[in-house]
Amino acid sequence: MWFLRRMLRISWTAKKTNDTVLEEAHTTRLLISKIRKRQATFFGHVMRREKLENLVTTGMLEGKRSRGKQREKLIEGLADWLKAGKSLEAIEATKDGKKWRTMIANAVKQGT
């Protein structure tokens, strides 16, 4: 945002919200959607291989869970972003590469 403010010659003391700066620049925020897209493509790559990474991301390792609030799993965040419902549906979609790519493309178009 500081770069846009600098390009538009908006003083740092000016009381303008980030949304108004984005409107003046005729642009939207792209960083979050790019990160999510790359996460989803990497996740699809990992899930199509039957290696250790697959076991780690699906959480099928043996052992005790750590104490306290559990961290959000990558698959749960991606399932929410892709609007796949349950994480199991997202795992099944990764088996079919074409279906997985269309799910990612639709999520990117929605801009969430």
N, C-alpha and C. Protein backbone atom coordinates (compact mmCIF):
# COMPACT_ATOMS: atom_id res chain seq x y z
N MET A 1 0.82 -1.19 0.00
CA MET A 1 0.00 0.00 0.00
C MET A 1 0.87 1.26 0.00
N TRP A 2 2.03 1.18 0.65
CA TRP A 2 2.88 2.37 0.69
C TRP A 2 3.35 2.73 -0.71
N PHE A 3 3.53 1.70 -1.55
CA PHE A 3 4.00 1.96 -2.91
C PHE A 3 2.91 2.67 -3.72
N LEU A 4 1.66 2.24 -3.56
CA LEU A 4 0.56 2.92 -4.26
C LEU A 4 0.40 4.36 -3.77
N ARG A 5 0.51 4.55 -2.48
CA ARG A 5 0.40 5.90 -1.93
C ARG A 5 1.51 6.80 -2.48
N ARG A 6 2.68 6.22 -2.63
CA ARG A 6 3.81 6.99 -3.16
C ARG A 6 3.59 7.34 -4.63
N MET A 7 3.08 6.37 -5.40
CA MET A 7 2.83 6.62 -6.83
C MET A 7 1.74 7.67 -7.04
N LEU A 8 0.73 7.65 -6.18
CA LEU A 8 -0.38 8.60 -6.30
C LEU A 8 -0.09 9.92 -5.59
N ARG A 9 1.08 10.03 -4.99
CA ARG A 9 1.50 11.24 -4.28
C ARG A 9 0.53 11.60 -3.16
N ILE A 10 0.17 10.58 -2.38
CA ILE A 10 -0.69 10.79 -1.22
C ILE A 10 0.23 10.90 0.00
N SER A 11 0.09 11.97 0.73
CA SER A 11 0.93 12.19 1.90
C SER A 11 0.64 11.13 2.96
N TRP A 12 1.64 10.81 3.73
CA TRP A 12 1.44 9.81 4.77
C TRP A 12 0.57 10.35 5.90
N THR A 13 0.42 11.67 5.97
CA THR A 13 -0.45 12.25 6.99
C THR A 13 -1.90 12.36 6.52
N ALA A 14 -2.14 12.13 5.24
CA ALA A 14 -3.51 12.20 4.72
C ALA A 14 -4.34 11.06 5.29
N LYS A 15 -5.55 11.37 5.70
CA LYS A 15 -6.43 10.38 6.32
C LYS A 15 -7.24 9.67 5.23
N LYS A 16 -6.58 8.82 4.47
CA LYS A 16 -7.25 8.05 3.42
C LYS A 16 -7.15 6.58 3.76
N THR A 17 -8.24 5.88 3.61
CA THR A 17 -8.23 4.45 3.90
C THR A 17 -7.56 3.71 2.75
N ASN A 18 -7.18 2.47 3.02
CA ASN A 18 -6.56 1.65 1.99
C ASN A 18 -7.53 1.38 0.84
N ASP A 19 -8.81 1.25 1.18
CA ASP A 19 -9.80 0.99 0.13
C ASP A 19 -9.92 2.16 -0.83
N THR A 20 -9.88 3.39 -0.32
CA THR A 20 -9.96 4.54 -1.22
C THR A 20 -8.70 4.66 -2.07
N VAL A 21 -7.57 4.31 -1.51
CA VAL A 21 -6.32 4.33 -2.29
C VAL A 21 -6.41 3.29 -3.42
N LEU A 22 -6.94 2.12 -3.11
CA LEU A 22 -7.09 1.09 -4.15
C LEU A 22 -8.05 1.55 -5.24
N GLU A 23 -9.14 2.23 -4.86
CA GLU A 23 -10.08 2.74 -5.86
C GLU A 23 -9.43 3.80 -6.75
N GLU A 24 -8.64 4.68 -6.16
CA GLU A 24 -7.96 5.70 -6.95
C GLU A 24 -6.96 5.08 -7.92
N ALA A 25 -6.34 3.99 -7.52
CA ALA A 25 -5.34 3.34 -8.36
C ALA A 25 -6.00 2.38 -9.36
N HIS A 26 -7.31 2.17 -9.24
CA HIS A 26 -8.05 1.25 -10.12
C HIS A 26 -7.44 -0.14 -10.08
N THR A 27 -7.23 -0.65 -8.88
CA THR A 27 -6.64 -1.98 -8.71
C THR A 27 -7.28 -2.68 -7.51
N THR A 28 -6.92 -3.93 -7.34
CA THR A 28 -7.41 -4.70 -6.20
C THR A 28 -6.22 -5.37 -5.52
N ARG A 29 -6.48 -5.97 -4.38
CA ARG A 29 -5.42 -6.69 -3.67
C ARG A 29 -5.23 -8.06 -4.32
N LEU A 30 -4.03 -8.36 -4.68
CA LEU A 30 -3.75 -9.61 -5.39
C LEU A 30 -2.89 -10.58 -4.60
N LEU A 31 -2.22 -10.11 -3.59
CA LEU A 31 -1.23 -10.93 -2.91
C LEU A 31 -1.85 -12.16 -2.26
N ILE A 32 -2.95 -11.99 -1.55
CA ILE A 32 -3.57 -13.11 -0.84
C ILE A 32 -4.05 -14.18 -1.82
N SER A 33 -4.67 -13.75 -2.92
CA SER A 33 -5.15 -14.75 -3.89
C SER A 33 -3.99 -15.47 -4.57
N LYS A 34 -2.88 -14.79 -4.80
CA LYS A 34 -1.72 -15.45 -5.39
C LYS A 34 -1.13 -16.48 -4.44
N ILE A 35 -1.07 -16.12 -3.16
CA ILE A 35 -0.54 -17.06 -2.17
C ILE A 35 -1.42 -18.29 -2.08
N ARG A 36 -2.74 -18.08 -2.01
CA ARG A 36 -3.67 -19.21 -1.92
C ARG A 36 -3.59 -20.10 -3.16
N LYS A 37 -3.45 -19.48 -4.34
CA LYS A 37 -3.36 -20.27 -5.57
C LYS A 37 -2.11 -21.14 -5.56
N ARG A 38 -0.99 -20.57 -5.14
CA ARG A 38 0.25 -21.35 -5.09
C ARG A 38 0.17 -22.46 -4.05
N GLN A 39 -0.47 -22.17 -2.92
CA GLN A 39 -0.66 -23.21 -1.90
C GLN A 39 -1.49 -24.34 -2.46
N ALA A 40 -2.55 -24.01 -3.19
CA ALA A 40 -3.44 -25.03 -3.72
C ALA A 40 -2.75 -25.88 -4.78
N THR A 41 -1.96 -25.25 -5.65
CA THR A 41 -1.27 -26.04 -6.68
C THR A 41 -0.22 -26.95 -6.04
N PHE A 42 0.48 -26.44 -5.02
CA PHE A 42 1.46 -27.28 -4.33
C PHE A 42 0.77 -28.43 -3.60
N PHE A 43 -0.37 -28.15 -2.97
CA PHE A 43 -1.11 -29.17 -2.26
C PHE A 43 -1.57 -30.27 -3.23
N GLY A 44 -2.05 -29.88 -4.40
CA GLY A 44 -2.45 -30.87 -5.40
C GLY A 44 -1.28 -31.73 -5.85
N HIS A 45 -0.13 -31.11 -6.00
CA HIS A 45 1.08 -31.84 -6.39
C HIS A 45 1.46 -32.86 -5.31
N VAL A 46 1.41 -32.43 -4.06
CA VAL A 46 1.78 -33.32 -2.95
C VAL A 46 0.79 -34.47 -2.83
N MET A 47 -0.49 -34.18 -2.98
CA MET A 47 -1.52 -35.20 -2.78
C MET A 47 -1.52 -36.26 -3.89
N ARG A 48 -1.06 -35.91 -5.07
CA ARG A 48 -1.02 -36.90 -6.16
C ARG A 48 0.13 -37.88 -5.99
N ARG A 49 1.11 -37.53 -5.16
CA ARG A 49 2.23 -38.43 -4.89
C ARG A 49 1.94 -39.17 -3.60
N GLU A 50 2.31 -40.39 -3.53
CA GLU A 50 2.09 -41.20 -2.32
C GLU A 50 3.39 -41.27 -1.52
N LYS A 51 3.82 -40.15 -1.00
CA LYS A 51 5.08 -40.07 -0.25
C LYS A 51 4.81 -39.56 1.16
N LEU A 52 5.87 -39.24 1.88
CA LEU A 52 5.77 -38.77 3.25
C LEU A 52 5.01 -37.45 3.36
N GLU A 53 5.20 -36.57 2.38
CA GLU A 53 4.51 -35.29 2.42
C GLU A 53 3.00 -35.47 2.41
N ASN A 54 2.54 -36.49 1.70
CA ASN A 54 1.11 -36.79 1.65
C ASN A 54 0.61 -37.16 3.04
N LEU A 55 1.35 -37.99 3.73
CA LEU A 55 0.95 -38.40 5.08
C LEU A 55 0.95 -37.22 6.04
N VAL A 56 1.91 -36.35 5.91
CA VAL A 56 2.01 -35.21 6.83
C VAL A 56 0.86 -34.23 6.61
N THR A 57 0.54 -33.92 5.36
CA THR A 57 -0.51 -32.94 5.10
C THR A 57 -1.90 -33.47 5.42
N THR A 58 -2.10 -34.77 5.29
CA THR A 58 -3.42 -35.31 5.63
C THR A 58 -3.54 -35.59 7.12
N GLY A 59 -2.43 -35.58 7.86
CA GLY A 59 -2.46 -35.79 9.30
C GLY A 59 -2.63 -37.24 9.68
N MET A 60 -2.13 -38.16 8.88
CA MET A 60 -2.29 -39.58 9.14
C MET A 60 -1.06 -40.19 9.81
N LEU A 61 -0.31 -39.39 10.53
CA LEU A 61 0.85 -39.89 11.24
C LEU A 61 0.44 -40.38 12.63
N GLU A 62 1.16 -41.37 13.12
CA GLU A 62 0.88 -41.88 14.45
C GLU A 62 1.56 -41.01 15.49
N GLY A 63 0.99 -41.03 16.69
CA GLY A 63 1.61 -40.29 17.78
C GLY A 63 0.61 -39.41 18.49
N LYS A 64 1.09 -38.73 19.53
CA LYS A 64 0.23 -37.87 20.33
C LYS A 64 0.18 -36.47 19.71
N ARG A 65 -0.96 -35.83 19.92
CA ARG A 65 -1.09 -34.44 19.51
C ARG A 65 -0.56 -33.55 20.62
N SER A 66 -0.07 -32.40 20.27
CA SER A 66 0.47 -31.49 21.28
C SER A 66 -0.66 -30.85 22.08
N ARG A 67 -0.32 -30.32 23.22
CA ARG A 67 -1.30 -29.69 24.08
C ARG A 67 -1.72 -28.34 23.54
N GLY A 68 -2.87 -27.86 24.01
CA GLY A 68 -3.33 -26.53 23.65
C GLY A 68 -4.20 -26.54 22.41
N LYS A 69 -4.49 -25.35 21.93
CA LYS A 69 -5.32 -25.21 20.74
C LYS A 69 -4.56 -25.73 19.53
N GLN A 70 -5.22 -26.56 18.78
CA GLN A 70 -4.57 -27.15 17.61
C GLN A 70 -4.47 -26.14 16.48
N ARG A 71 -3.39 -26.21 15.74
CA ARG A 71 -3.19 -25.31 14.61
C ARG A 71 -4.17 -25.66 13.50
N GLU A 72 -4.49 -24.65 12.70
CA GLU A 72 -5.35 -24.90 11.56
C GLU A 72 -4.54 -25.64 10.51
N LYS A 73 -5.13 -26.69 9.99
CA LYS A 73 -4.42 -27.49 9.00
C LYS A 73 -4.52 -26.82 7.64
N LEU A 74 -3.51 -27.04 6.83
CA LEU A 74 -3.47 -26.46 5.49
C LEU A 74 -4.68 -26.89 4.68
N ILE A 75 -5.05 -28.15 4.82
CA ILE A 75 -6.15 -28.67 4.02
C ILE A 75 -7.49 -28.03 4.40
N GLU A 76 -7.67 -27.71 5.68
CA GLU A 76 -8.92 -27.08 6.10
C GLU A 76 -9.03 -25.66 5.55
N GLY A 77 -7.93 -24.92 5.57
CA GLY A 77 -7.93 -23.58 5.01
C GLY A 77 -8.19 -23.58 3.51
N LEU A 78 -7.59 -24.53 2.81
CA LEU A 78 -7.81 -24.62 1.36
C LEU A 78 -9.23 -25.06 1.04
N ALA A 79 -9.79 -25.96 1.84
CA ALA A 79 -11.17 -26.40 1.60
C ALA A 79 -12.13 -25.24 1.77
N ASP A 80 -11.88 -24.38 2.75
CA ASP A 80 -12.72 -23.20 2.93
C ASP A 80 -12.58 -22.25 1.75
N TRP A 81 -11.34 -22.03 1.29
CA TRP A 81 -11.10 -21.11 0.18
C TRP A 81 -11.70 -21.64 -1.12
N LEU A 82 -11.59 -22.94 -1.34
CA LEU A 82 -12.12 -23.55 -2.56
C LEU A 82 -13.61 -23.81 -2.47
N LYS A 83 -14.18 -23.62 -1.28
CA LYS A 83 -15.59 -23.90 -1.04
C LYS A 83 -15.92 -25.34 -1.38
N ALA A 84 -15.02 -26.24 -0.97
CA ALA A 84 -15.17 -27.66 -1.26
C ALA A 84 -15.99 -28.36 -0.19
N GLY A 85 -16.44 -27.62 0.82
CA GLY A 85 -17.19 -28.25 1.90
C GLY A 85 -16.25 -28.89 2.89
N LYS A 86 -16.11 -30.17 2.81
CA LYS A 86 -15.22 -30.89 3.74
C LYS A 86 -13.84 -31.05 3.11
N SER A 87 -12.87 -31.25 3.96
CA SER A 87 -11.50 -31.42 3.47
C SER A 87 -11.36 -32.72 2.69
N LEU A 88 -12.20 -33.70 2.97
CA LEU A 88 -12.15 -34.97 2.25
C LEU A 88 -12.50 -34.77 0.77
N GLU A 89 -13.44 -33.86 0.50
CA GLU A 89 -13.79 -33.56 -0.90
C GLU A 89 -12.61 -32.93 -1.63
N ALA A 90 -11.85 -32.09 -0.95
CA ALA A 90 -10.68 -31.48 -1.56
C ALA A 90 -9.62 -32.53 -1.87
N ILE A 91 -9.45 -33.49 -0.96
CA ILE A 91 -8.46 -34.55 -1.19
C ILE A 91 -8.86 -35.39 -2.39
N GLU A 92 -10.13 -35.71 -2.51
CA GLU A 92 -10.60 -36.50 -3.64
C GLU A 92 -10.45 -35.74 -4.95
N ALA A 93 -10.64 -34.43 -4.91
CA ALA A 93 -10.53 -33.62 -6.13
C ALA A 93 -9.10 -33.57 -6.63
N THR A 94 -8.12 -33.72 -5.75
CA THR A 94 -6.72 -33.65 -6.19
C THR A 94 -6.34 -34.86 -7.04
N LYS A 95 -7.04 -35.95 -6.90
CA LYS A 95 -6.73 -37.14 -7.70
C LYS A 95 -6.95 -36.88 -9.19
N ASP A 96 -7.97 -36.06 -9.50
CA ASP A 96 -8.24 -35.69 -10.89
C ASP A 96 -7.66 -34.30 -11.12
N GLY A 97 -6.56 -34.24 -11.84
CA GLY A 97 -5.83 -32.98 -12.03
C GLY A 97 -6.65 -31.90 -12.71
N LYS A 98 -7.47 -32.28 -13.69
CA LYS A 98 -8.27 -31.29 -14.41
C LYS A 98 -9.33 -30.68 -13.50
N LYS A 99 -9.97 -31.52 -12.72
CA LYS A 99 -10.99 -31.03 -11.78
C LYS A 99 -10.36 -30.12 -10.74
N TRP A 100 -9.18 -30.47 -10.26
CA TRP A 100 -8.49 -29.66 -9.25
C TRP A 100 -8.13 -28.29 -9.81
N ARG A 101 -7.63 -28.25 -11.05
CA ARG A 101 -7.27 -26.97 -11.66
C ARG A 101 -8.48 -26.08 -11.88
N THR A 102 -9.62 -26.67 -12.24
CA THR A 102 -10.83 -25.85 -12.42
C THR A 102 -11.33 -25.32 -11.08
N MET A 103 -11.19 -26.12 -10.01
CA MET A 103 -11.58 -25.63 -8.69
C MET A 103 -10.72 -24.44 -8.28
N ILE A 104 -9.42 -24.52 -8.56
CA ILE A 104 -8.52 -23.42 -8.22
C ILE A 104 -8.85 -22.19 -9.05
N ALA A 105 -9.09 -22.38 -10.34
CA ALA A 105 -9.40 -21.26 -11.22
C ALA A 105 -10.69 -20.57 -10.79
N ASN A 106 -11.70 -21.34 -10.40
CA ASN A 106 -12.95 -20.75 -9.94
C ASN A 106 -12.77 -19.96 -8.65
N ALA A 107 -11.95 -20.46 -7.75
CA ALA A 107 -11.70 -19.76 -6.50
C ALA A 107 -10.94 -18.45 -6.74
N VAL A 108 -10.01 -18.48 -7.68
CA VAL A 108 -9.25 -17.26 -7.99
C VAL A 108 -10.15 -16.23 -8.64
N LYS A 109 -11.07 -16.66 -9.50
CA LYS A 109 -11.99 -15.73 -10.16
C LYS A 109 -12.90 -15.03 -9.14
N GLN A 110 -13.29 -15.78 -8.11
CA GLN A 110 -14.16 -15.20 -7.09
C GLN A 110 -13.41 -14.18 -6.24
N GLY A 111 -12.09 -14.28 -6.22
CA GLY A 111 -11.28 -13.30 -5.53
C GLY A 111 -11.31 -13.39 -4.02
N THR A 112 -11.59 -14.56 -3.50
CA THR A 112 -11.66 -14.69 -2.03
C THR A 112 -10.32 -15.04 -1.47
